[in-house]
Amino acid sequence: MNVSNSELELLNIIWENEPLRSGRLVTLAGDKLGWKKSTVYTVVKHLVDKKIIKNEDSVISALYRHDEILNERSETLINRGFGGSLPMFLTAFLSKEKISRTEAEELKRLIDEYTEER
C-alpha cells in the first residue's frame, strides 16, 4: 500500500466524510485542497487501482482505516530512511524537535506498554 502525499490528502477527506458521492468529494477537495475535478478523479482512479478505496456507483469509501495507512507509511519511512531502526528515527526527530515533559512521559508509557516482555 504505497500511498503518496496527495493520495493521503484525498484519503483524509474520504475518511472524514465516507461514504460520499464523487461529486461531493470533488467539492470538498476543491474547497480544502484547491483541486480541480480532473485532479480528484485522477487520484481517485489511482486509489481504486491500488485497492485502497472503492468507487461503486459513484459512491466512494475507504477499504483501509486511517491508522492502517499511517502505520504502513511510518514503517516504510523508518525502513527506507533509517535502516529499520526506530531509535535512529527518534534520534533524528528529537535532534530538531523538543518535546514537552507530558509528551516524553506518554512516549515512555507507550514503550513500556509495547515492550516485548509484557
PDB file of N, CA and C in Angstrom:
ATOM      1  N   MET A   1       0.838  -1.189   0.000  1.00  0.00           N
ATOM      2  CA  MET A   1       0.000   0.000   0.000  1.00  0.00           C
ATOM      3  C   MET A   1       0.878   1.244   0.000  1.00  0.00           C
ATOM      4  N   ASN A   2       1.456   1.565  -1.061  1.00  0.00           N
ATOM      5  CA  ASN A   2       2.268   2.768  -1.150  1.00  0.00           C
ATOM      6  C   ASN A   2       1.347   3.935  -1.489  1.00  0.00           C
ATOM      7  N   VAL A   3       1.176   4.855  -0.533  1.00  0.00           N
ATOM      8  CA  VAL A   3       0.266   5.982  -0.695  1.00  0.00           C
ATOM      9  C   VAL A   3       1.078   7.274  -0.744  1.00  0.00           C
ATOM     10  N   SER A   4       0.879   8.036  -1.802  1.00  0.00           N
ATOM     11  CA  SER A   4       1.590   9.313  -1.940  1.00  0.00           C
ATOM     12  C   SER A   4       0.970  10.361  -1.011  1.00  0.00           C
ATOM     13  N   ASN A   5       1.654  11.485  -0.867  1.00  0.00           N
ATOM     14  CA  ASN A   5       1.131  12.565  -0.032  1.00  0.00           C
ATOM     15  C   ASN A   5      -0.194  13.102  -0.559  1.00  0.00           C
ATOM     16  N   SER A   6      -0.305  13.267  -1.867  1.00  0.00           N
ATOM     17  CA  SER A   6      -1.555  13.771  -2.430  1.00  0.00           C
ATOM     18  C   SER A   6      -2.686  12.759  -2.250  1.00  0.00           C
ATOM     19  N   GLU A   7      -2.367  11.482  -2.392  1.00  0.00           N
ATOM     20  CA  GLU A   7      -3.386  10.457  -2.154  1.00  0.00           C
ATOM     21  C   GLU A   7      -3.833  10.475  -0.693  1.00  0.00           C
ATOM     22  N   LEU A   8      -2.899  10.684   0.212  1.00  0.00           N
ATOM     23  CA  LEU A   8      -3.239  10.752   1.636  1.00  0.00           C
ATOM     24  C   LEU A   8      -4.128  11.959   1.925  1.00  0.00           C
ATOM     25  N   GLU A   9      -3.864  13.076   1.272  1.00  0.00           N
ATOM     26  CA  GLU A   9      -4.714  14.258   1.457  1.00  0.00           C
ATOM     27  C   GLU A   9      -6.156  13.954   1.064  1.00  0.00           C
ATOM     28  N   LEU A  10      -6.334  13.278  -0.070  1.00  0.00           N
ATOM     29  CA  LEU A  10      -7.681  12.936  -0.505  1.00  0.00           C
ATOM     30  C   LEU A  10      -8.294  11.879   0.412  1.00  0.00           C
ATOM     31  N   LEU A  11      -7.491  10.919   0.834  1.00  0.00           N
ATOM     32  CA  LEU A  11      -7.987   9.904   1.768  1.00  0.00           C
ATOM     33  C   LEU A  11      -8.497  10.530   3.058  1.00  0.00           C
ATOM     34  N   ASN A  12      -7.811  11.548   3.548  1.00  0.00           N
ATOM     35  CA  ASN A  12      -8.267  12.215   4.774  1.00  0.00           C
ATOM     36  C   ASN A  12      -9.672  12.779   4.597  1.00  0.00           C
ATOM     37  N   ILE A  13      -9.946  13.344   3.449  1.00  0.00           N
ATOM     38  CA  ILE A  13     -11.290  13.860   3.168  1.00  0.00           C
ATOM     39  C   ILE A  13     -12.287  12.711   3.097  1.00  0.00           C
ATOM     40  N   ILE A  14     -11.895  11.621   2.462  1.00  0.00           N
ATOM     41  CA  ILE A  14     -12.784  10.460   2.349  1.00  0.00           C
ATOM     42  C   ILE A  14     -13.098   9.910   3.735  1.00  0.00           C
ATOM     43  N   TRP A  15     -12.075   9.695   4.565  1.00  0.00           N
ATOM     44  CA  TRP A  15     -12.297   9.148   5.902  1.00  0.00           C
ATOM     45  C   TRP A  15     -13.229  10.027   6.733  1.00  0.00           C
ATOM     46  N   GLU A  16     -13.098  11.337   6.598  1.00  0.00           N
ATOM     47  CA  GLU A  16     -13.927  12.263   7.375  1.00  0.00           C
ATOM     48  C   GLU A  16     -15.381  12.269   6.933  1.00  0.00           C
ATOM     49  N   ASN A  17     -15.654  11.826   5.698  1.00  0.00           N
ATOM     50  CA  ASN A  17     -16.994  12.008   5.126  1.00  0.00           C
ATOM     51  C   ASN A  17     -17.617  10.745   4.537  1.00  0.00           C
ATOM     52  N   GLU A  18     -16.940   9.620   4.642  1.00  0.00           N
ATOM     53  CA  GLU A  18     -17.438   8.436   3.933  1.00  0.00           C
ATOM     54  C   GLU A  18     -18.686   7.849   4.569  1.00  0.00           C
ATOM     55  N   PRO A  19     -19.462   7.157   3.731  1.00  0.00           N
ATOM     56  CA  PRO A  19     -19.351   7.108   2.266  1.00  0.00           C
ATOM     57  C   PRO A  19     -19.827   8.434   1.676  1.00  0.00           C
ATOM     58  N   LEU A  20     -19.261   8.797   0.543  1.00  0.00           N
ATOM     59  CA  LEU A  20     -19.674  10.043  -0.091  1.00  0.00           C
ATOM     60  C   LEU A  20     -19.689   9.882  -1.600  1.00  0.00           C
ATOM     61  N   ARG A  21     -20.551  10.654  -2.208  1.00  0.00           N
ATOM     62  CA  ARG A  21     -20.665  10.628  -3.660  1.00  0.00           C
ATOM     63  C   ARG A  21     -19.464  11.352  -4.261  1.00  0.00           C
ATOM     64  N   SER A  22     -19.078  10.939  -5.454  1.00  0.00           N
ATOM     65  CA  SER A  22     -17.887  11.511  -6.086  1.00  0.00           C
ATOM     66  C   SER A  22     -18.024  13.022  -6.306  1.00  0.00           C
ATOM     67  N   GLY A  23     -19.218  13.499  -6.620  1.00  0.00           N
ATOM     68  CA  GLY A  23     -19.426  14.935  -6.793  1.00  0.00           C
ATOM     69  C   GLY A  23     -19.164  15.701  -5.502  1.00  0.00           C
ATOM     70  N   ARG A  24     -19.573  15.139  -4.390  1.00  0.00           N
ATOM     71  CA  ARG A  24     -19.316  15.766  -3.083  1.00  0.00           C
ATOM     72  C   ARG A  24     -17.817  15.770  -2.789  1.00  0.00           C
ATOM     73  N   LEU A  25     -17.133  14.696  -3.148  1.00  0.00           N
ATOM     74  CA  LEU A  25     -15.687  14.625  -2.951  1.00  0.00           C
ATOM     75  C   LEU A  25     -14.986  15.705  -3.774  1.00  0.00           C
ATOM     76  N   VAL A  26     -15.437  15.912  -4.994  1.00  0.00           N
ATOM     77  CA  VAL A  26     -14.857  16.962  -5.841  1.00  0.00           C
ATOM     78  C   VAL A  26     -15.034  18.325  -5.169  1.00  0.00           C
ATOM     79  N   THR A  27     -16.210  18.579  -4.633  1.00  0.00           N
ATOM     80  CA  THR A  27     -16.476  19.853  -3.953  1.00  0.00           C
ATOM     81  C   THR A  27     -15.583  20.022  -2.734  1.00  0.00           C
ATOM     82  N   LEU A  28     -15.499  18.978  -1.899  1.00  0.00           N
ATOM     83  CA  LEU A  28     -14.683  19.054  -0.686  1.00  0.00           C
ATOM     84  C   LEU A  28     -13.198  19.218  -1.011  1.00  0.00           C
ATOM     85  N   ALA A  29     -12.717  18.468  -1.990  1.00  0.00           N
ATOM     86  CA  ALA A  29     -11.304  18.572  -2.377  1.00  0.00           C
ATOM     87  C   ALA A  29     -11.010  19.939  -2.988  1.00  0.00           C
ATOM     88  N   GLY A  30     -11.970  20.495  -3.694  1.00  0.00           N
ATOM     89  CA  GLY A  30     -11.795  21.842  -4.233  1.00  0.00           C
ATOM     90  C   GLY A  30     -11.694  22.866  -3.117  1.00  0.00           C
ATOM     91  N   ASP A  31     -12.577  22.727  -2.128  1.00  0.00           N
ATOM     92  CA  ASP A  31     -12.588  23.664  -1.000  1.00  0.00           C
ATOM     93  C   ASP A  31     -11.345  23.523  -0.118  1.00  0.00           C
ATOM     94  N   LYS A  32     -10.993  22.288   0.227  1.00  0.00           N
ATOM     95  CA  LYS A  32      -9.906  22.053   1.185  1.00  0.00           C
ATOM     96  C   LYS A  32      -8.522  22.050   0.558  1.00  0.00           C
ATOM     97  N   LEU A  33      -8.427  21.573  -0.679  1.00  0.00           N
ATOM     98  CA  LEU A  33      -7.115  21.395  -1.302  1.00  0.00           C
ATOM     99  C   LEU A  33      -6.890  22.284  -2.520  1.00  0.00           C
ATOM    100  N   GLY A  34      -7.940  22.912  -3.003  1.00  0.00           N
ATOM    101  CA  GLY A  34      -7.820  23.731  -4.205  1.00  0.00           C
ATOM    102  C   GLY A  34      -7.697  22.909  -5.477  1.00  0.00           C
ATOM    103  N   TRP A  35      -8.166  21.662  -5.424  1.00  0.00           N
ATOM    104  CA  TRP A  35      -8.034  20.763  -6.566  1.00  0.00           C
ATOM    105  C   TRP A  35      -9.176  20.949  -7.549  1.00  0.00           C
ATOM    106  N   LYS A  36      -8.872  20.682  -8.818  1.00  0.00           N
ATOM    107  CA  LYS A  36      -9.883  20.670  -9.868  1.00  0.00           C
ATOM    108  C   LYS A  36     -10.480  19.270  -9.961  1.00  0.00           C
ATOM    109  N   LYS A  37     -11.618  19.195 -10.607  1.00  0.00           N
ATOM    110  CA  LYS A  37     -12.330  17.927 -10.775  1.00  0.00           C
ATOM    111  C   LYS A  37     -11.433  16.856 -11.402  1.00  0.00           C
ATOM    112  N   SER A  38     -10.678  17.232 -12.414  1.00  0.00           N
ATOM    113  CA  SER A  38      -9.833  16.252 -13.108  1.00  0.00           C
ATOM    114  C   SER A  38      -8.757  15.686 -12.175  1.00  0.00           C
ATOM    115  N   THR A  39      -8.225  16.526 -11.302  1.00  0.00           N
ATOM    116  CA  THR A  39      -7.209  16.066 -10.340  1.00  0.00           C
ATOM    117  C   THR A  39      -7.826  15.072  -9.364  1.00  0.00           C
ATOM    118  N   VAL A  40      -8.999  15.393  -8.857  1.00  0.00           N
ATOM    119  CA  VAL A  40      -9.681  14.496  -7.915  1.00  0.00           C
ATOM    120  C   VAL A  40      -9.912  13.142  -8.573  1.00  0.00           C
ATOM    121  N   TYR A  41     -10.446  13.146  -9.796  1.00  0.00           N
ATOM    122  CA  TYR A  41     -10.746  11.881 -10.455  1.00  0.00           C
ATOM    123  C   TYR A  41      -9.486  11.084 -10.778  1.00  0.00           C
ATOM    124  N   THR A  42      -8.397  11.764 -11.084  1.00  0.00           N
ATOM    125  CA  THR A  42      -7.131  11.065 -11.328  1.00  0.00           C
ATOM    126  C   THR A  42      -6.648  10.372 -10.051  1.00  0.00           C
ATOM    127  N   VAL A  43      -6.685  11.088  -8.939  1.00  0.00           N
ATOM    128  CA  VAL A  43      -6.233  10.500  -7.669  1.00  0.00           C
ATOM    129  C   VAL A  43      -7.188   9.393  -7.228  1.00  0.00           C
ATOM    130  N   VAL A  44      -8.476   9.578  -7.418  1.00  0.00           N
ATOM    131  CA  VAL A  44      -9.447   8.519  -7.102  1.00  0.00           C
ATOM    132  C   VAL A  44      -9.132   7.266  -7.898  1.00  0.00           C
ATOM    133  N   LYS A  45      -8.847   7.434  -9.194  1.00  0.00           N
ATOM    134  CA  LYS A  45      -8.524   6.274 -10.030  1.00  0.00           C
ATOM    135  C   LYS A  45      -7.282   5.550  -9.511  1.00  0.00           C
ATOM    136  N   HIS A  46      -6.257   6.301  -9.122  1.00  0.00           N
ATOM    137  CA  HIS A  46      -5.050   5.674  -8.574  1.00  0.00           C
ATOM    138  C   HIS A  46      -5.372   4.888  -7.308  1.00  0.00           C
ATOM    139  N   LEU A  47      -6.179   5.468  -6.427  1.00  0.00           N
ATOM    140  CA  LEU A  47      -6.522   4.794  -5.170  1.00  0.00           C
ATOM    141  C   LEU A  47      -7.394   3.561  -5.405  1.00  0.00           C
ATOM    142  N   VAL A  48      -8.269   3.627  -6.390  1.00  0.00           N
ATOM    143  CA  VAL A  48      -9.076   2.449  -6.752  1.00  0.00           C
ATOM    144  C   VAL A  48      -8.178   1.367  -7.332  1.00  0.00           C
ATOM    145  N   ASP A  49      -7.272   1.753  -8.236  1.00  0.00           N
ATOM    146  CA  ASP A  49      -6.353   0.785  -8.843  1.00  0.00           C
ATOM    147  C   ASP A  49      -5.478   0.102  -7.789  1.00  0.00           C
ATOM    148  N   LYS A  50      -5.119   0.848  -6.743  1.00  0.00           N
ATOM    149  CA  LYS A  50      -4.310   0.290  -5.655  1.00  0.00           C
ATOM    150  C   LYS A  50      -5.154  -0.479  -4.636  1.00  0.00           C
ATOM    151  N   LYS A  51      -6.477  -0.489  -4.870  1.00  0.00           N
ATOM    152  CA  LYS A  51      -7.421  -1.170  -3.979  1.00  0.00           C
ATOM    153  C   LYS A  51      -7.390  -0.599  -2.556  1.00  0.00           C
ATOM    154  N   ILE A  52      -7.264   0.726  -2.475  1.00  0.00           N
ATOM    155  CA  ILE A  52      -7.267   1.420  -1.190  1.00  0.00           C
ATOM    156  C   ILE A  52      -8.643   2.023  -0.923  1.00  0.00           C
ATOM    157  N   ILE A  53      -9.349   2.377  -1.999  1.00  0.00           N
ATOM    158  CA  ILE A  53     -10.736   2.827  -1.889  1.00  0.00           C
ATOM    159  C   ILE A  53     -11.567   2.057  -2.901  1.00  0.00           C
ATOM    160  N   LYS A  54     -12.883   2.145  -2.730  1.00  0.00           N
ATOM    161  CA  LYS A  54     -13.768   1.590  -3.746  1.00  0.00           C
ATOM    162  C   LYS A  54     -14.698   2.689  -4.220  1.00  0.00           C
ATOM    163  N   ASN A  55     -15.090   2.584  -5.473  1.00  0.00           N
ATOM    164  CA  ASN A  55     -15.985   3.546  -6.105  1.00  0.00           C
ATOM    165  C   ASN A  55     -17.090   2.732  -6.761  1.00  0.00           C
ATOM    166  N   GLU A  56     -18.187   2.595  -6.048  1.00  0.00           N
ATOM    167  CA  GLU A  56     -19.322   1.820  -6.557  1.00  0.00           C
ATOM    168  C   GLU A  56     -20.479   2.756  -6.830  1.00  0.00           C
ATOM    169  N   ASP A  57     -20.879   2.828  -8.080  1.00  0.00           N
ATOM    170  CA  ASP A  57     -21.983   3.706  -8.480  1.00  0.00           C
ATOM    171  C   ASP A  57     -21.749   5.136  -8.016  1.00  0.00           C
ATOM    172  N   SER A  58     -20.526   5.608  -8.150  1.00  0.00           N
ATOM    173  CA  SER A  58     -20.111   6.967  -7.784  1.00  0.00           C
ATOM    174  C   SER A  58     -20.186   7.245  -6.285  1.00  0.00           C
ATOM    175  N   VAL A  59     -20.201   6.181  -5.481  1.00  0.00           N
ATOM    176  CA  VAL A  59     -20.130   6.326  -4.027  1.00  0.00           C
ATOM    177  C   VAL A  59     -18.767   5.798  -3.588  1.00  0.00           C
ATOM    178  N   ILE A  60     -18.018   6.653  -2.916  1.00  0.00           N
ATOM    179  CA  ILE A  60     -16.634   6.347  -2.573  1.00  0.00           C
ATOM    180  C   ILE A  60     -16.507   6.058  -1.087  1.00  0.00           C
ATOM    181  N   SER A  61     -15.774   4.990  -0.790  1.00  0.00           N
ATOM    182  CA  SER A  61     -15.464   4.665   0.602  1.00  0.00           C
ATOM    183  C   SER A  61     -14.101   3.988   0.654  1.00  0.00           C
ATOM    184  N   ALA A  62     -13.484   4.099   1.813  1.00  0.00           N
ATOM    185  CA  ALA A  62     -12.141   3.550   2.002  1.00  0.00           C
ATOM    186  C   ALA A  62     -12.207   2.057   2.316  1.00  0.00           C
ATOM    187  N   LEU A  63     -11.194   1.340   1.863  1.00  0.00           N
ATOM    188  CA  LEU A  63     -11.072  -0.082   2.169  1.00  0.00           C
ATOM    189  C   LEU A  63     -10.116  -0.314   3.336  1.00  0.00           C
ATOM    190  N   TYR A  64      -9.411   0.736   3.755  1.00  0.00           N
ATOM    191  CA  TYR A  64      -8.476   0.660   4.879  1.00  0.00           C
ATOM    192  C   TYR A  64      -8.773   1.809   5.840  1.00  0.00           C
ATOM    193  N   ARG A  65      -8.525   1.562   7.100  1.00  0.00           N
ATOM    194  CA  ARG A  65      -8.678   2.594   8.118  1.00  0.00           C
ATOM    195  C   ARG A  65      -7.478   3.547   8.082  1.00  0.00           C
ATOM    196  N   HIS A  66      -7.686   4.709   8.645  1.00  0.00           N
ATOM    197  CA  HIS A  66      -6.657   5.743   8.722  1.00  0.00           C
ATOM    198  C   HIS A  66      -5.391   5.210   9.390  1.00  0.00           C
ATOM    199  N   ASP A  67      -5.538   4.538  10.517  1.00  0.00           N
ATOM    200  CA  ASP A  67      -4.366   4.043  11.247  1.00  0.00           C
ATOM    201  C   ASP A  67      -3.608   2.983  10.468  1.00  0.00           C
ATOM    202  N   GLU A  68      -4.292   2.191   9.658  1.00  0.00           N
ATOM    203  CA  GLU A  68      -3.603   1.176   8.857  1.00  0.00           C
ATOM    204  C   GLU A  68      -2.679   1.820   7.824  1.00  0.00           C
ATOM    205  N   ILE A  69      -3.162   2.868   7.180  1.00  0.00           N
ATOM    206  CA  ILE A  69      -2.359   3.561   6.182  1.00  0.00           C
ATOM    207  C   ILE A  69      -1.188   4.276   6.848  1.00  0.00           C
ATOM    208  N   LEU A  70      -1.446   4.959   7.956  1.00  0.00           N
ATOM    209  CA  LEU A  70      -0.368   5.682   8.643  1.00  0.00           C
ATOM    210  C   LEU A  70       0.678   4.728   9.197  1.00  0.00           C
ATOM    211  N   ASN A  71       0.263   3.590   9.707  1.00  0.00           N
ATOM    212  CA  ASN A  71       1.228   2.600  10.191  1.00  0.00           C
ATOM    213  C   ASN A  71       2.131   2.124   9.068  1.00  0.00           C
ATOM    214  N   GLU A  72       1.553   1.865   7.911  1.00  0.00           N
ATOM    215  CA  GLU A  72       2.340   1.408   6.760  1.00  0.00           C
ATOM    216  C   GLU A  72       3.312   2.489   6.313  1.00  0.00           C
ATOM    217  N   ARG A  73       2.843   3.739   6.256  1.00  0.00           N
ATOM    218  CA  ARG A  73       3.721   4.842   5.840  1.00  0.00           C
ATOM    219  C   ARG A  73       4.858   5.034   6.839  1.00  0.00           C
ATOM    220  N   SER A  74       4.561   4.931   8.131  1.00  0.00           N
ATOM    221  CA  SER A  74       5.592   5.082   9.161  1.00  0.00           C
ATOM    222  C   SER A  74       6.636   3.980   9.044  1.00  0.00           C
ATOM    223  N   GLU A  75       6.164   2.765   8.863  1.00  0.00           N
ATOM    224  CA  GLU A  75       7.072   1.627   8.733  1.00  0.00           C
ATOM    225  C   GLU A  75       7.976   1.785   7.513  1.00  0.00           C
ATOM    226  N   THR A  76       7.398   2.234   6.410  1.00  0.00           N
ATOM    227  CA  THR A  76       8.175   2.450   5.192  1.00  0.00           C
ATOM    228  C   THR A  76       9.229   3.525   5.410  1.00  0.00           C
ATOM    229  N   LEU A  77       8.853   4.620   6.045  1.00  0.00           N
ATOM    230  CA  LEU A  77       9.800   5.703   6.325  1.00  0.00           C
ATOM    231  C   LEU A  77      10.957   5.213   7.187  1.00  0.00           C
ATOM    232  N   ILE A  78      10.650   4.489   8.237  1.00  0.00           N
ATOM    233  CA  ILE A  78      11.702   4.003   9.140  1.00  0.00           C
ATOM    234  C   ILE A  78      12.586   2.982   8.437  1.00  0.00           C
ATOM    235  N   ASN A  79      11.982   2.105   7.656  1.00  0.00           N
ATOM    236  CA  ASN A  79      12.772   1.087   6.949  1.00  0.00           C
ATOM    237  C   ASN A  79      13.668   1.700   5.877  1.00  0.00           C
ATOM    238  N   ARG A  80      13.126   2.616   5.086  1.00  0.00           N
ATOM    239  CA  ARG A  80      13.895   3.200   3.991  1.00  0.00           C
ATOM    240  C   ARG A  80      14.904   4.232   4.463  1.00  0.00           C
ATOM    241  N   GLY A  81      14.494   5.073   5.384  1.00  0.00           N
ATOM    242  CA  GLY A  81      15.336   6.189   5.773  1.00  0.00           C
ATOM    243  C   GLY A  81      16.270   5.921   6.934  1.00  0.00           C
ATOM    244  N   PHE A  82      15.932   4.908   7.747  1.00  0.00           N
ATOM    245  CA  PHE A  82      16.698   4.687   8.963  1.00  0.00           C
ATOM    246  C   PHE A  82      17.084   3.226   9.158  1.00  0.00           C
ATOM    247  N   GLY A  83      17.104   2.480   8.057  1.00  0.00           N
ATOM    248  CA  GLY A  83      17.520   1.083   8.110  1.00  0.00           C
ATOM    249  C   GLY A  83      16.686   0.235   9.054  1.00  0.00           C
ATOM    250  N   GLY A  84      15.433   0.632   9.255  1.00  0.00           N
ATOM    251  CA  GLY A  84      14.546  -0.132  10.133  1.00  0.00           C
ATOM    252  C   GLY A  84      14.748   0.168  11.612  1.00  0.00           C
ATOM    253  N   SER A  85      15.571   1.144  11.931  1.00  0.00           N
ATOM    254  CA  SER A  85      15.894   1.447  13.321  1.00  0.00           C
ATOM    255  C   SER A  85      15.004   2.563  13.873  1.00  0.00           C
ATOM    256  N   LEU A  86      14.097   2.194  14.764  1.00  0.00           N
ATOM    257  CA  LEU A  86      13.259   3.187  15.424  1.00  0.00           C
ATOM    258  C   LEU A  86      14.093   4.136  16.285  1.00  0.00           C
ATOM    259  N   PRO A  87      15.091   3.654  17.040  1.00  0.00           N
ATOM    260  CA  PRO A  87      15.931   4.595  17.792  1.00  0.00           C
ATOM    261  C   PRO A  87      16.632   5.622  16.898  1.00  0.00           C
ATOM    262  N   MET A  88      17.101   5.214  15.713  1.00  0.00           N
ATOM    263  CA  MET A  88      17.736   6.173  14.799  1.00  0.00           C
ATOM    264  C   MET A  88      16.728   7.223  14.340  1.00  0.00           C
ATOM    265  N   PHE A  89      15.501   6.785  14.046  1.00  0.00           N
ATOM    266  CA  PHE A  89      14.447   7.712  13.646  1.00  0.00           C
ATOM    267  C   PHE A  89      14.165   8.713  14.760  1.00  0.00           C
ATOM    268  N   LEU A  90      13.988   8.212  15.975  1.00  0.00           N
ATOM    269  CA  LEU A  90      13.693   9.096  17.109  1.00  0.00           C
ATOM    270  C   LEU A  90      14.841  10.069  17.372  1.00  0.00           C
ATOM    271  N   THR A  91      16.066   9.583  17.263  1.00  0.00           N
ATOM    272  CA  THR A  91      17.225  10.452  17.455  1.00  0.00           C
ATOM    273  C   THR A  91      17.219  11.583  16.430  1.00  0.00           C
ATOM    274  N   ALA A  92      16.957  11.248  15.168  1.00  0.00           N
ATOM    275  CA  ALA A  92      16.906  12.264  14.115  1.00  0.00           C
ATOM    276  C   ALA A  92      15.771  13.249  14.376  1.00  0.00           C
ATOM    277  N   PHE A  93      14.607  12.749  14.761  1.00  0.00           N
ATOM    278  CA  PHE A  93      13.458  13.612  15.025  1.00  0.00           C
ATOM    279  C   PHE A  93      13.718  14.529  16.214  1.00  0.00           C
ATOM    280  N   LEU A  94      14.223  13.949  17.289  1.00  0.00           N
ATOM    281  CA  LEU A  94      14.404  14.722  18.517  1.00  0.00           C
ATOM    282  C   LEU A  94      15.584  15.691  18.442  1.00  0.00           C
ATOM    283  N   SER A  95      16.479  15.489  17.488  1.00  0.00           N
ATOM    284  CA  SER A  95      17.601  16.425  17.365  1.00  0.00           C
ATOM    285  C   SER A  95      17.126  17.791  16.866  1.00  0.00           C
ATOM    286  N   LYS A  96      15.978  17.844  16.240  1.00  0.00           N
ATOM    287  CA  LYS A  96      15.426  19.107  15.731  1.00  0.00           C
ATOM    288  C   LYS A  96      14.225  19.585  16.550  1.00  0.00           C
ATOM    289  N   GLU A  97      13.462  18.656  17.088  1.00  0.00           N
ATOM    290  CA  GLU A  97      12.224  18.986  17.779  1.00  0.00           C
ATOM    291  C   GLU A  97      12.343  18.700  19.268  1.00  0.00           C
ATOM    292  N   LYS A  98      11.972  19.648  20.072  1.00  0.00           N
ATOM    293  CA  LYS A  98      11.902  19.423  21.510  1.00  0.00           C
ATOM    294  C   LYS A  98      10.486  18.977  21.841  1.00  0.00           C
ATOM    295  N   ILE A  99      10.377  18.056  22.787  1.00  0.00           N
ATOM    296  CA  ILE A  99       9.061  17.598  23.200  1.00  0.00           C
ATOM    297  C   ILE A  99       8.833  18.008  24.650  1.00  0.00           C
ATOM    298  N   SER A 100       7.565  18.107  25.007  1.00  0.00           N
ATOM    299  CA  SER A 100       7.219  18.512  26.368  1.00  0.00           C
ATOM    300  C   SER A 100       7.414  17.327  27.316  1.00  0.00           C
ATOM    301  N   ARG A 101       7.443  17.616  28.589  1.00  0.00           N
ATOM    302  CA  ARG A 101       7.558  16.562  29.605  1.00  0.00           C
ATOM    303  C   ARG A 101       6.368  15.596  29.480  1.00  0.00           C
ATOM    304  N   THR A 102       5.192  16.133  29.217  1.00  0.00           N
ATOM    305  CA  THR A 102       3.993  15.294  29.061  1.00  0.00           C
ATOM    306  C   THR A 102       4.156  14.347  27.876  1.00  0.00           C
ATOM    307  N   GLU A 103       4.672  14.858  26.766  1.00  0.00           N
ATOM    308  CA  GLU A 103       4.892  14.005  25.592  1.00  0.00           C
ATOM    309  C   GLU A 103       5.943  12.940  25.891  1.00  0.00           C
ATOM    310  N   ALA A 104       7.007  13.312  26.599  1.00  0.00           N
ATOM    311  CA  ALA A 104       8.054  12.345  26.958  1.00  0.00           C
ATOM    312  C   ALA A 104       7.479  11.248  27.846  1.00  0.00           C
ATOM    313  N   GLU A 105       6.653  11.623  28.802  1.00  0.00           N
ATOM    314  CA  GLU A 105       6.033  10.622  29.681  1.00  0.00           C
ATOM    315  C   GLU A 105       5.106   9.705  28.904  1.00  0.00           C
ATOM    316  N   GLU A 106       4.386  10.255  27.949  1.00  0.00           N
ATOM    317  CA  GLU A 106       3.499   9.443  27.107  1.00  0.00           C
ATOM    318  C   GLU A 106       4.317   8.459  26.268  1.00  0.00           C
ATOM    319  N   LEU A 107       5.438   8.921  25.707  1.00  0.00           N
ATOM    320  CA  LEU A 107       6.297   8.014  24.940  1.00  0.00           C
ATOM    321  C   LEU A 107       6.840   6.898  25.821  1.00  0.00           C
ATOM    322  N   LYS A 108       7.277   7.234  27.026  1.00  0.00           N
ATOM    323  CA  LYS A 108       7.765   6.216  27.962  1.00  0.00           C
ATOM    324  C   LYS A 108       6.678   5.207  28.273  1.00  0.00           C
ATOM    325  N   ARG A 109       5.442   5.689  28.497  1.00  0.00           N
ATOM    326  CA  ARG A 109       4.326   4.793  28.791  1.00  0.00           C
ATOM    327  C   ARG A 109       4.068   3.856  27.606  1.00  0.00           C
ATOM    328  N   LEU A 110       4.096   4.406  26.395  1.00  0.00           N
ATOM    329  CA  LEU A 110       3.861   3.584  25.206  1.00  0.00           C
ATOM    330  C   LEU A 110       4.955   2.532  25.032  1.00  0.00           C
ATOM    331  N   ILE A 111       6.195   2.929  25.267  1.00  0.00           N
ATOM    332  CA  ILE A 111       7.303   1.972  25.153  1.00  0.00           C
ATOM    333  C   ILE A 111       7.124   0.850  26.155  1.00  0.00           C
ATOM    334  N   ASP A 112       6.780   1.194  27.390  1.00  0.00           N
ATOM    335  CA  ASP A 112       6.549   0.167  28.404  1.00  0.00           C
ATOM    336  C   ASP A 112       5.396  -0.747  28.014  1.00  0.00           C
ATOM    337  N   GLU A 113       4.345  -0.157  27.478  1.00  0.00           N
ATOM    338  CA  GLU A 113       3.164  -0.921  27.095  1.00  0.00           C
ATOM    339  C   GLU A 113       3.432  -1.885  25.937  1.00  0.00           C
ATOM    340  N   TYR A 114       4.293  -1.475  25.009  1.00  0.00           N
ATOM    341  CA  TYR A 114       4.543  -2.273  23.820  1.00  0.00           C
ATOM    342  C   TYR A 114       5.857  -3.044  23.845  1.00  0.00           C
ATOM    343  N   THR A 115       6.511  -3.078  24.986  1.00  0.00           N
ATOM    344  CA  THR A 115       7.753  -3.835  25.100  1.00  0.00           C
ATOM    345  C   THR A 115       7.437  -5.319  25.006  1.00  0.00           C
ATOM    346  N   GLU A 116       8.317  -6.068  24.346  1.00  0.00           N
ATOM    347  CA  GLU A 116       8.105  -7.492  24.097  1.00  0.00           C
ATOM    348  C   GLU A 116       7.903  -8.304  25.373  1.00  0.00           C
ATOM    349  N   GLU A 117       8.533  -7.933  26.452  1.00  0.00           N
ATOM    350  CA  GLU A 117       8.452  -8.707  27.693  1.00  0.00           C
ATOM    351  C   GLU A 117       7.208  -8.342  28.501  1.00  0.00           C
ATOM    352  N   ARG A 118       6.107  -8.164  27.859  1.00  0.00           N
ATOM    353  CA  ARG A 118       4.870  -7.800  28.569  1.00  0.00           C
ATOM    354  C   ARG A 118       4.406  -8.923  29.441  1.00  0.00           C
TER     355      ARG A 118
END
